[in-house]
Amino acid sequence: MKSSFLFLSLVLITISQLVFAAPAPADNAEEPQDNSNGASPTDRAWVNEGAFESGILGVTNQYRAQHGARPLQWNSSLAWWAYGYLDRNKCAWKHSQGPWGENIACGYVTPAHSVKIWGDERRAYDYRHPGFTHETGHFTQLVWKGTTDVGCAREWCGRYMRWFVACEYWPPGNVQGQFAQNVSPQRR
């Protein structure tokens, strides 16, 4: 009798929890949106080819001018290769290991902001001891004087990663033994 009473009590408690639980969302309820950084799959800066290229080149060449490097030219072949890489990559956070220089970023509001993040690594670069570090490698590739061309691509990777951008550089930078002549201090 006592075990029957316990069993019945457990059944009633379970049923009451199911009945009085929070109501299910309506079928037409939208998933909560996290727009903390403003990037979306429809932002013009990302989806319009001209806006994307000019956003990348504009900020890239500002940083290069500040460090005594000539402007880069847009290279459609490098951009095409970057698109192929992103298509194969499926939003995995890793470098392509291709034969050229490469910078990658994800989650930033605009293409220009992605480049700015790379460029701002200059704060950590030690011009007295030139060389590669993981903390400044995007910056040094960005302003590498021997680089002449860039081509970039982007892919929407969902709400968490947002836009993933890959930029390919030719000739590649970050060559050991060549930092002093290719990465100059910022001009005042």
N, C-alpha and C. Protein backbone atom coordinates (compact mmCIF):
# COMPACT_ATOMS: atom_id res chain seq x y z
N MET A 1 0.82 -1.19 0.00
CA MET A 1 0.00 0.00 0.00
C MET A 1 0.87 1.26 0.00
N LYS A 2 1.92 1.21 0.83
CA LYS A 2 2.79 2.36 0.93
C LYS A 2 3.50 2.62 -0.39
N SER A 3 3.97 1.58 -1.10
CA SER A 3 4.65 1.77 -2.38
C SER A 3 3.68 2.26 -3.45
N SER A 4 2.44 1.85 -3.40
CA SER A 4 1.44 2.35 -4.35
C SER A 4 1.21 3.83 -4.14
N PHE A 5 1.17 4.25 -2.88
CA PHE A 5 0.97 5.66 -2.57
C PHE A 5 2.15 6.49 -3.09
N LEU A 6 3.38 6.01 -2.90
CA LEU A 6 4.57 6.72 -3.39
C LEU A 6 4.56 6.81 -4.91
N PHE A 7 4.21 5.73 -5.56
CA PHE A 7 4.17 5.71 -7.02
C PHE A 7 3.14 6.71 -7.52
N LEU A 8 1.94 6.69 -6.92
CA LEU A 8 0.87 7.60 -7.33
C LEU A 8 1.29 9.05 -7.09
N SER A 9 1.97 9.32 -5.99
CA SER A 9 2.44 10.67 -5.69
C SER A 9 3.43 11.15 -6.75
N LEU A 10 4.36 10.29 -7.13
CA LEU A 10 5.33 10.66 -8.16
C LEU A 10 4.66 10.94 -9.50
N VAL A 11 3.68 10.13 -9.84
CA VAL A 11 2.95 10.34 -11.09
C VAL A 11 2.23 11.68 -11.06
N LEU A 12 1.57 12.00 -9.96
CA LEU A 12 0.84 13.27 -9.86
C LEU A 12 1.79 14.47 -9.90
N ILE A 13 2.93 14.36 -9.23
CA ILE A 13 3.91 15.46 -9.26
C ILE A 13 4.42 15.66 -10.68
N THR A 14 4.73 14.59 -11.37
CA THR A 14 5.23 14.68 -12.75
C THR A 14 4.19 15.31 -13.65
N ILE A 15 2.93 14.88 -13.53
CA ILE A 15 1.86 15.44 -14.36
C ILE A 15 1.67 16.91 -14.05
N SER A 16 1.69 17.29 -12.78
CA SER A 16 1.48 18.70 -12.44
C SER A 16 2.61 19.58 -12.98
N GLN A 17 3.83 19.05 -13.00
CA GLN A 17 4.94 19.83 -13.56
C GLN A 17 4.77 20.02 -15.06
N LEU A 18 4.27 19.01 -15.73
CA LEU A 18 4.04 19.13 -17.17
C LEU A 18 2.92 20.10 -17.47
N VAL A 19 1.84 20.04 -16.68
CA VAL A 19 0.68 20.88 -16.93
C VAL A 19 0.96 22.34 -16.60
N PHE A 20 1.68 22.59 -15.51
CA PHE A 20 1.88 23.96 -15.06
C PHE A 20 3.22 24.56 -15.50
N ALA A 21 3.90 23.89 -16.40
CA ALA A 21 5.16 24.42 -16.91
C ALA A 21 4.89 25.65 -17.76
N ALA A 22 5.91 26.41 -18.05
CA ALA A 22 5.77 27.61 -18.88
C ALA A 22 5.20 27.23 -20.23
N PRO A 23 4.32 28.06 -20.77
CA PRO A 23 3.71 27.73 -22.06
C PRO A 23 4.76 27.69 -23.16
N ALA A 24 4.51 26.86 -24.14
CA ALA A 24 5.40 26.77 -25.30
C ALA A 24 5.27 28.03 -26.11
N PRO A 25 6.33 28.47 -26.77
CA PRO A 25 6.23 29.66 -27.61
C PRO A 25 5.28 29.41 -28.77
N ALA A 26 4.66 30.47 -29.23
CA ALA A 26 3.75 30.36 -30.37
C ALA A 26 4.53 29.90 -31.59
N ASP A 27 3.85 29.27 -32.53
CA ASP A 27 4.50 28.77 -33.73
C ASP A 27 5.17 29.88 -34.53
N ASN A 28 4.63 31.08 -34.46
CA ASN A 28 5.18 32.18 -35.25
C ASN A 28 6.20 33.02 -34.46
N ALA A 29 6.58 32.58 -33.27
CA ALA A 29 7.54 33.34 -32.47
C ALA A 29 8.91 33.30 -33.14
N GLU A 30 9.58 34.45 -33.16
CA GLU A 30 10.91 34.52 -33.74
C GLU A 30 11.96 34.12 -32.72
N GLU A 31 13.04 33.55 -33.22
CA GLU A 31 14.16 33.23 -32.36
C GLU A 31 14.78 34.54 -31.89
N PRO A 32 15.18 34.64 -30.62
CA PRO A 32 15.78 35.89 -30.14
C PRO A 32 16.99 36.26 -30.99
N GLN A 33 17.11 37.53 -31.29
CA GLN A 33 18.22 38.00 -32.12
C GLN A 33 19.27 38.67 -31.25
N ASP A 34 20.53 38.36 -31.51
CA ASP A 34 21.65 39.00 -30.85
C ASP A 34 22.29 39.93 -31.87
N ASN A 35 21.93 41.19 -31.83
CA ASN A 35 22.47 42.16 -32.77
C ASN A 35 23.47 43.08 -32.09
N SER A 36 24.20 42.54 -31.13
CA SER A 36 25.11 43.37 -30.36
C SER A 36 26.18 44.03 -31.22
N ASN A 37 26.57 43.41 -32.32
CA ASN A 37 27.59 44.05 -33.15
C ASN A 37 27.03 44.58 -34.45
N GLY A 38 25.74 44.43 -34.69
CA GLY A 38 25.10 45.02 -35.84
C GLY A 38 25.24 44.29 -37.15
N ALA A 39 26.14 43.33 -37.27
CA ALA A 39 26.34 42.62 -38.53
C ALA A 39 25.15 41.71 -38.80
N SER A 40 24.72 41.71 -40.04
CA SER A 40 23.62 40.82 -40.44
C SER A 40 23.94 40.26 -41.82
N PRO A 41 23.20 39.21 -42.22
CA PRO A 41 23.48 38.62 -43.53
C PRO A 41 23.06 39.51 -44.70
N THR A 42 22.43 40.65 -44.42
CA THR A 42 21.98 41.52 -45.51
C THR A 42 22.64 42.90 -45.50
N ASP A 43 23.60 43.13 -44.64
CA ASP A 43 24.26 44.44 -44.59
C ASP A 43 24.95 44.75 -45.91
N ARG A 44 24.68 45.95 -46.44
CA ARG A 44 25.22 46.37 -47.74
C ARG A 44 26.75 46.28 -47.78
N ALA A 45 27.41 46.66 -46.70
CA ALA A 45 28.88 46.64 -46.67
C ALA A 45 29.43 45.25 -46.94
N TRP A 46 28.63 44.23 -46.64
CA TRP A 46 29.07 42.85 -46.84
C TRP A 46 28.56 42.26 -48.15
N VAL A 47 27.32 42.54 -48.54
CA VAL A 47 26.73 41.84 -49.68
C VAL A 47 26.97 42.53 -51.02
N ASN A 48 27.21 43.83 -51.03
CA ASN A 48 27.47 44.55 -52.26
C ASN A 48 28.96 44.44 -52.59
N GLU A 49 29.27 43.88 -53.75
CA GLU A 49 30.67 43.62 -54.12
C GLU A 49 31.52 44.89 -54.10
N GLY A 50 31.01 45.97 -54.68
CA GLY A 50 31.76 47.22 -54.70
C GLY A 50 32.00 47.78 -53.31
N ALA A 51 30.98 47.74 -52.47
CA ALA A 51 31.12 48.23 -51.09
C ALA A 51 32.11 47.38 -50.31
N PHE A 52 32.06 46.06 -50.53
CA PHE A 52 32.99 45.16 -49.85
C PHE A 52 34.43 45.48 -50.25
N GLU A 53 34.70 45.55 -51.55
CA GLU A 53 36.05 45.84 -52.03
C GLU A 53 36.55 47.19 -51.54
N SER A 54 35.71 48.22 -51.65
CA SER A 54 36.17 49.55 -51.25
C SER A 54 36.36 49.63 -49.74
N GLY A 55 35.55 48.92 -48.97
CA GLY A 55 35.75 48.89 -47.52
C GLY A 55 37.08 48.26 -47.14
N ILE A 56 37.42 47.17 -47.81
CA ILE A 56 38.70 46.49 -47.56
C ILE A 56 39.86 47.37 -48.03
N LEU A 57 39.82 47.81 -49.29
CA LEU A 57 40.95 48.57 -49.85
C LEU A 57 41.15 49.92 -49.18
N GLY A 58 40.05 50.60 -48.86
CA GLY A 58 40.16 51.93 -48.25
C GLY A 58 40.96 51.91 -46.96
N VAL A 59 40.57 51.04 -46.04
CA VAL A 59 41.25 50.99 -44.75
C VAL A 59 42.64 50.36 -44.89
N THR A 60 42.75 49.34 -45.73
CA THR A 60 44.06 48.72 -45.97
C THR A 60 45.07 49.77 -46.42
N ASN A 61 44.69 50.55 -47.41
CA ASN A 61 45.64 51.52 -47.97
C ASN A 61 45.88 52.71 -47.05
N GLN A 62 44.95 53.02 -46.15
CA GLN A 62 45.23 54.03 -45.12
C GLN A 62 46.35 53.56 -44.20
N TYR A 63 46.24 52.33 -43.73
CA TYR A 63 47.30 51.78 -42.86
C TYR A 63 48.63 51.71 -43.61
N ARG A 64 48.58 51.28 -44.86
CA ARG A 64 49.83 51.15 -45.63
C ARG A 64 50.49 52.53 -45.80
N ALA A 65 49.71 53.55 -46.10
CA ALA A 65 50.27 54.90 -46.25
C ALA A 65 50.90 55.37 -44.94
N GLN A 66 50.28 55.06 -43.83
CA GLN A 66 50.81 55.48 -42.53
C GLN A 66 52.13 54.79 -42.20
N HIS A 67 52.42 53.69 -42.90
CA HIS A 67 53.65 52.94 -42.64
C HIS A 67 54.60 52.93 -43.85
N GLY A 68 54.39 53.87 -44.78
CA GLY A 68 55.31 54.04 -45.89
C GLY A 68 55.23 52.97 -46.97
N ALA A 69 54.12 52.27 -47.06
CA ALA A 69 53.95 51.22 -48.09
C ALA A 69 53.02 51.73 -49.18
N ARG A 70 53.25 51.29 -50.40
CA ARG A 70 52.40 51.68 -51.53
C ARG A 70 51.02 51.03 -51.42
N PRO A 71 50.01 51.65 -52.06
CA PRO A 71 48.66 51.07 -52.02
C PRO A 71 48.61 49.69 -52.69
N LEU A 72 47.76 48.84 -52.17
CA LEU A 72 47.53 47.53 -52.79
C LEU A 72 46.49 47.67 -53.89
N GLN A 73 46.58 46.80 -54.87
CA GLN A 73 45.58 46.69 -55.94
C GLN A 73 44.70 45.48 -55.66
N TRP A 74 43.42 45.59 -56.04
CA TRP A 74 42.51 44.46 -55.89
C TRP A 74 42.84 43.41 -56.94
N ASN A 75 42.95 42.16 -56.53
CA ASN A 75 43.29 41.07 -57.43
C ASN A 75 42.14 40.07 -57.42
N SER A 76 41.41 40.02 -58.54
CA SER A 76 40.23 39.14 -58.63
C SER A 76 40.59 37.67 -58.53
N SER A 77 41.77 37.29 -58.98
CA SER A 77 42.19 35.89 -58.87
C SER A 77 42.38 35.49 -57.41
N LEU A 78 42.98 36.38 -56.62
CA LEU A 78 43.13 36.10 -55.19
C LEU A 78 41.76 36.04 -54.51
N ALA A 79 40.86 36.94 -54.91
CA ALA A 79 39.51 36.92 -54.33
C ALA A 79 38.79 35.62 -54.70
N TRP A 80 38.94 35.20 -55.94
CA TRP A 80 38.32 33.94 -56.38
C TRP A 80 38.85 32.77 -55.56
N TRP A 81 40.17 32.74 -55.32
CA TRP A 81 40.76 31.67 -54.52
C TRP A 81 40.22 31.72 -53.09
N ALA A 82 40.09 32.94 -52.54
CA ALA A 82 39.56 33.08 -51.17
C ALA A 82 38.12 32.57 -51.09
N TYR A 83 37.31 32.84 -52.12
CA TYR A 83 35.93 32.30 -52.13
C TYR A 83 35.95 30.78 -52.13
N GLY A 84 36.82 30.19 -52.93
CA GLY A 84 36.93 28.73 -52.94
C GLY A 84 37.34 28.18 -51.60
N TYR A 85 38.28 28.86 -50.95
CA TYR A 85 38.71 28.43 -49.62
C TYR A 85 37.55 28.48 -48.64
N LEU A 86 36.81 29.60 -48.62
CA LEU A 86 35.69 29.72 -47.69
C LEU A 86 34.62 28.68 -47.97
N ASP A 87 34.40 28.38 -49.24
CA ASP A 87 33.40 27.36 -49.59
C ASP A 87 33.82 25.98 -49.07
N ARG A 88 35.09 25.66 -49.19
CA ARG A 88 35.59 24.37 -48.68
C ARG A 88 35.70 24.36 -47.16
N ASN A 89 35.97 25.50 -46.58
CA ASN A 89 36.25 25.62 -45.15
C ASN A 89 35.03 25.41 -44.26
N LYS A 90 33.86 25.75 -44.74
CA LYS A 90 32.60 25.60 -44.00
C LYS A 90 32.64 26.30 -42.64
N CYS A 91 33.20 27.51 -42.60
CA CYS A 91 33.21 28.37 -41.42
C CYS A 91 34.08 27.87 -40.27
N ALA A 92 35.01 26.98 -40.55
CA ALA A 92 35.95 26.55 -39.50
C ALA A 92 37.01 27.62 -39.32
N TRP A 93 37.31 27.96 -38.08
CA TRP A 93 38.27 29.03 -37.78
C TRP A 93 39.69 28.51 -37.95
N LYS A 94 40.20 28.63 -39.18
CA LYS A 94 41.57 28.18 -39.46
C LYS A 94 42.05 28.84 -40.74
N HIS A 95 43.37 28.95 -40.87
CA HIS A 95 43.97 29.50 -42.08
C HIS A 95 43.98 28.44 -43.18
N SER A 96 44.04 28.91 -44.43
CA SER A 96 43.96 28.02 -45.58
C SER A 96 45.25 27.25 -45.85
N GLN A 97 46.37 27.75 -45.38
CA GLN A 97 47.69 27.17 -45.68
C GLN A 97 48.02 27.30 -47.18
N GLY A 98 47.44 28.31 -47.83
CA GLY A 98 47.71 28.57 -49.24
C GLY A 98 49.10 29.16 -49.44
N PRO A 99 49.48 29.37 -50.70
CA PRO A 99 50.84 29.83 -51.01
C PRO A 99 51.04 31.35 -50.87
N TRP A 100 50.07 32.09 -50.38
CA TRP A 100 50.19 33.54 -50.26
C TRP A 100 49.96 33.95 -48.82
N GLY A 101 50.16 35.23 -48.57
CA GLY A 101 49.86 35.75 -47.25
C GLY A 101 48.36 35.74 -47.03
N GLU A 102 47.94 35.67 -45.79
CA GLU A 102 46.50 35.58 -45.51
C GLU A 102 46.18 36.18 -44.15
N ASN A 103 45.11 36.95 -44.12
CA ASN A 103 44.51 37.42 -42.87
C ASN A 103 43.07 36.95 -42.85
N ILE A 104 42.61 36.48 -41.68
CA ILE A 104 41.22 36.07 -41.53
C ILE A 104 40.63 36.77 -40.31
N ALA A 105 39.32 36.95 -40.34
CA ALA A 105 38.61 37.55 -39.21
C ALA A 105 37.15 37.12 -39.28
N CYS A 106 36.47 37.20 -38.17
CA CYS A 106 35.02 36.96 -38.18
C CYS A 106 34.36 37.74 -37.06
N GLY A 107 33.10 38.08 -37.30
CA GLY A 107 32.29 38.70 -36.26
C GLY A 107 32.28 40.21 -36.25
N TYR A 108 32.94 40.88 -37.17
CA TYR A 108 33.01 42.33 -37.12
C TYR A 108 31.89 42.97 -37.93
N VAL A 109 31.56 44.22 -37.57
CA VAL A 109 30.40 44.91 -38.13
C VAL A 109 30.52 45.15 -39.62
N THR A 110 31.71 45.52 -40.09
CA THR A 110 31.92 45.81 -41.51
C THR A 110 33.24 45.21 -41.96
N PRO A 111 33.43 45.09 -43.27
CA PRO A 111 34.74 44.65 -43.77
C PRO A 111 35.85 45.61 -43.32
N ALA A 112 35.56 46.91 -43.35
CA ALA A 112 36.56 47.90 -42.94
C ALA A 112 36.97 47.70 -41.47
N HIS A 113 36.02 47.35 -40.63
CA HIS A 113 36.33 47.12 -39.22
C HIS A 113 37.23 45.90 -39.04
N SER A 114 37.03 44.88 -39.86
CA SER A 114 37.91 43.71 -39.82
C SER A 114 39.35 44.12 -40.10
N VAL A 115 39.54 44.95 -41.12
CA VAL A 115 40.89 45.42 -41.47
C VAL A 115 41.46 46.29 -40.34
N LYS A 116 40.62 47.12 -39.75
CA LYS A 116 41.07 47.98 -38.66
C LYS A 116 41.59 47.15 -37.49
N ILE A 117 40.93 46.06 -37.18
CA ILE A 117 41.39 45.17 -36.10
C ILE A 117 42.79 44.65 -36.41
N TRP A 118 43.01 44.25 -37.67
CA TRP A 118 44.35 43.79 -38.06
C TRP A 118 45.37 44.92 -37.91
N GLY A 119 45.00 46.09 -38.42
CA GLY A 119 45.93 47.22 -38.38
C GLY A 119 46.26 47.67 -36.97
N ASP A 120 45.31 47.58 -36.08
CA ASP A 120 45.54 48.04 -34.71
C ASP A 120 46.49 47.14 -33.93
N GLU A 121 46.86 46.00 -34.50
CA GLU A 121 47.89 45.17 -33.87
C GLU A 121 49.24 45.89 -33.83
N ARG A 122 49.37 46.98 -34.59
CA ARG A 122 50.63 47.72 -34.63
C ARG A 122 51.03 48.22 -33.24
N ARG A 123 50.06 48.39 -32.36
CA ARG A 123 50.37 48.85 -31.00
C ARG A 123 51.31 47.89 -30.29
N ALA A 124 51.26 46.62 -30.65
CA ALA A 124 52.08 45.60 -29.98
C ALA A 124 53.36 45.27 -30.74
N TYR A 125 53.55 45.85 -31.93
CA TYR A 125 54.73 45.50 -32.73
C TYR A 125 55.98 46.19 -32.18
N ASP A 126 57.06 45.45 -32.08
CA ASP A 126 58.33 45.96 -31.57
C ASP A 126 59.27 46.25 -32.75
N TYR A 127 59.34 47.51 -33.16
CA TYR A 127 60.16 47.90 -34.31
C TYR A 127 61.65 47.76 -34.00
N ARG A 128 62.03 47.78 -32.73
CA ARG A 128 63.44 47.62 -32.36
C ARG A 128 63.91 46.17 -32.53
N HIS A 129 62.95 45.24 -32.49
CA HIS A 129 63.25 43.81 -32.67
C HIS A 129 62.27 43.25 -33.71
N PRO A 130 62.45 43.63 -34.98
CA PRO A 130 61.48 43.23 -36.01
C PRO A 130 61.43 41.72 -36.20
N GLY A 131 60.22 41.23 -36.40
CA GLY A 131 60.03 39.81 -36.64
C GLY A 131 58.58 39.43 -36.47
N PHE A 132 58.30 38.17 -36.67
CA PHE A 132 56.93 37.68 -36.61
C PHE A 132 56.53 37.33 -35.18
N THR A 133 55.32 37.74 -34.82
CA THR A 133 54.66 37.24 -33.61
C THR A 133 53.21 36.98 -33.95
N HIS A 134 52.57 36.07 -33.24
CA HIS A 134 51.15 35.79 -33.48
C HIS A 134 50.28 36.99 -33.12
N GLU A 135 50.76 37.84 -32.23
CA GLU A 135 49.98 39.01 -31.81
C GLU A 135 50.00 40.13 -32.85
N THR A 136 50.96 40.11 -33.77
CA THR A 136 51.09 41.20 -34.74
C THR A 136 51.16 40.74 -36.19
N GLY A 137 50.97 39.47 -36.45
CA GLY A 137 51.12 38.92 -37.80
C GLY A 137 50.13 39.46 -38.82
N HIS A 138 48.90 39.78 -38.38
CA HIS A 138 47.93 40.37 -39.32
C HIS A 138 48.41 41.76 -39.74
N PHE A 139 48.86 42.54 -38.74
CA PHE A 139 49.34 43.89 -39.03
C PHE A 139 50.53 43.87 -39.99
N THR A 140 51.52 43.03 -39.71
CA THR A 140 52.71 43.04 -40.55
C THR A 140 52.39 42.62 -41.98
N GLN A 141 51.47 41.67 -42.16
CA GLN A 141 51.06 41.31 -43.53
C GLN A 141 50.34 42.48 -44.18
N LEU A 142 49.51 43.16 -43.44
CA LEU A 142 48.73 44.28 -43.96
C LEU A 142 49.62 45.39 -44.53
N VAL A 143 50.71 45.71 -43.85
CA VAL A 143 51.55 46.84 -44.27
C VAL A 143 52.86 46.40 -44.93
N TRP A 144 53.02 45.13 -45.22
CA TRP A 144 54.25 44.59 -45.81
C TRP A 144 54.55 45.30 -47.12
N LYS A 145 55.67 45.99 -47.21
CA LYS A 145 56.00 46.80 -48.39
C LYS A 145 56.13 46.00 -49.67
N GLY A 146 56.58 44.77 -49.60
CA GLY A 146 56.76 43.95 -50.79
C GLY A 146 55.47 43.39 -51.36
N THR A 147 54.36 43.50 -50.64
CA THR A 147 53.07 43.01 -51.12
C THR A 147 52.46 44.05 -52.05
N THR A 148 51.89 43.61 -53.17
CA THR A 148 51.31 44.53 -54.15
C THR A 148 49.81 44.31 -54.38
N ASP A 149 49.32 43.10 -54.11
CA ASP A 149 47.93 42.75 -54.45
C ASP A 149 47.21 42.13 -53.26
N VAL A 150 45.90 42.33 -53.24
CA VAL A 150 45.04 41.69 -52.24
C VAL A 150 43.74 41.28 -52.92
N GLY A 151 43.18 40.19 -52.49
CA GLY A 151 41.85 39.75 -52.91
C GLY A 151 41.19 39.10 -51.72
N CYS A 152 39.95 39.45 -51.48
CA CYS A 152 39.26 38.97 -50.27
C CYS A 152 37.90 38.39 -50.62
N ALA A 153 37.41 37.57 -49.72
CA ALA A 153 36.08 36.99 -49.85
C ALA A 153 35.46 36.94 -48.46
N ARG A 154 34.15 36.74 -48.44
CA ARG A 154 33.44 36.63 -47.17
C ARG A 154 32.33 35.62 -47.29
N GLU A 155 31.95 35.09 -46.13
CA GLU A 155 30.86 34.13 -46.07
C GLU A 155 30.10 34.34 -44.77
N TRP A 156 28.77 34.30 -44.86
CA TRP A 156 27.93 34.40 -43.66
C TRP A 156 27.97 33.06 -42.95
N CYS A 157 28.35 33.08 -41.68
CA CYS A 157 28.52 31.84 -40.91
C CYS A 157 27.55 31.75 -39.74
N GLY A 158 26.45 32.45 -39.80
CA GLY A 158 25.44 32.35 -38.76
C GLY A 158 25.61 33.38 -37.66
N ARG A 159 24.69 33.31 -36.71
CA ARG A 159 24.61 34.33 -35.67
C ARG A 159 25.83 34.39 -34.77
N TYR A 160 26.51 33.28 -34.56
CA TYR A 160 27.64 33.27 -33.64
C TYR A 160 28.89 33.90 -34.28
N MET A 161 29.31 33.37 -35.43
CA MET A 161 30.52 33.88 -36.09
C MET A 161 30.23 35.07 -37.00
N ARG A 162 29.00 35.18 -37.45
CA ARG A 162 28.59 36.23 -38.38
C ARG A 162 29.39 36.14 -39.68
N TRP A 163 29.96 37.25 -40.14
CA TRP A 163 30.71 37.24 -41.40
C TRP A 163 32.14 36.78 -41.16
N PHE A 164 32.56 35.82 -41.95
CA PHE A 164 33.95 35.32 -41.94
C PHE A 164 34.61 35.92 -43.18
N VAL A 165 35.71 36.63 -43.01
CA VAL A 165 36.42 37.25 -44.13
C VAL A 165 37.82 36.66 -44.22
N ALA A 166 38.23 36.38 -45.45
CA ALA A 166 39.60 35.91 -45.72
C ALA A 166 40.20 36.81 -46.79
N CYS A 167 41.36 37.37 -46.50
CA CYS A 167 42.10 38.19 -47.47
C CYS A 167 43.41 37.50 -47.80
N GLU A 168 43.68 37.40 -49.10
CA GLU A 168 44.90 36.76 -49.61
C GLU A 168 45.80 37.86 -50.18
N TYR A 169 47.10 37.78 -49.90
CA TYR A 169 48.07 38.81 -50.29
C TYR A 169 49.17 38.21 -51.15
N TRP A 170 49.57 39.00 -52.21
CA TRP A 170 50.65 38.56 -53.08
C TRP A 170 51.56 39.74 -53.40
N PRO A 171 52.84 39.54 -53.40
CA PRO A 171 53.57 38.43 -52.79
C PRO A 171 53.33 38.40 -51.28
N PRO A 172 53.49 37.22 -50.70
CA PRO A 172 53.20 37.11 -49.27
C PRO A 172 54.20 37.88 -48.42
N GLY A 173 53.73 38.33 -47.27
CA GLY A 173 54.59 39.00 -46.31
C GLY A 173 54.99 38.04 -45.20
N ASN A 174 55.44 38.64 -44.11
CA ASN A 174 55.86 37.88 -42.92
C ASN A 174 56.97 36.88 -43.23
N VAL A 175 57.92 37.31 -44.05
CA VAL A 175 59.05 36.46 -44.42
C VAL A 175 60.19 36.71 -43.42
N GLN A 176 60.62 35.66 -42.76
CA GLN A 176 61.69 35.79 -41.77
C GLN A 176 62.92 36.45 -42.40
N GLY A 177 63.54 37.34 -41.64
CA GLY A 177 64.73 38.03 -42.10
C GLY A 177 64.44 39.26 -42.95
N GLN A 178 63.16 39.54 -43.27
CA GLN A 178 62.83 40.68 -44.13
C GLN A 178 61.91 41.70 -43.46
N PHE A 179 61.71 41.58 -42.16
CA PHE A 179 60.77 42.48 -41.47
C PHE A 179 61.28 43.92 -41.42
N ALA A 180 62.55 44.12 -41.15
CA ALA A 180 63.08 45.48 -40.99
C ALA A 180 62.87 46.33 -42.24
N GLN A 181 63.06 45.76 -43.42
CA GLN A 181 62.89 46.53 -44.65
C GLN A 181 61.45 46.57 -45.15
N ASN A 182 60.55 45.79 -44.58
CA ASN A 182 59.17 45.73 -45.06
C ASN A 182 58.12 46.28 -44.11
N VAL A 183 58.47 46.48 -42.85
CA VAL A 183 57.51 47.00 -41.86
C VAL A 183 58.14 48.21 -41.19
N SER A 184 57.66 49.40 -41.59
CA SER A 184 58.21 50.65 -41.05
C SER A 184 57.31 51.20 -39.95
N PRO A 185 57.89 51.97 -39.03
CA PRO A 185 57.06 52.60 -37.99
C PRO A 185 56.04 53.55 -38.60
N GLN A 186 54.99 53.79 -37.85
CA GLN A 186 53.94 54.70 -38.30
C GLN A 186 54.51 56.11 -38.43
N ARG A 187 54.17 56.77 -39.54
CA ARG A 187 54.60 58.15 -39.76
C ARG A 187 53.75 59.08 -38.91
N ARG A 188 54.36 60.09 -38.42
CA ARG A 188 53.63 61.07 -37.58
C ARG A 188 53.11 62.21 -38.39
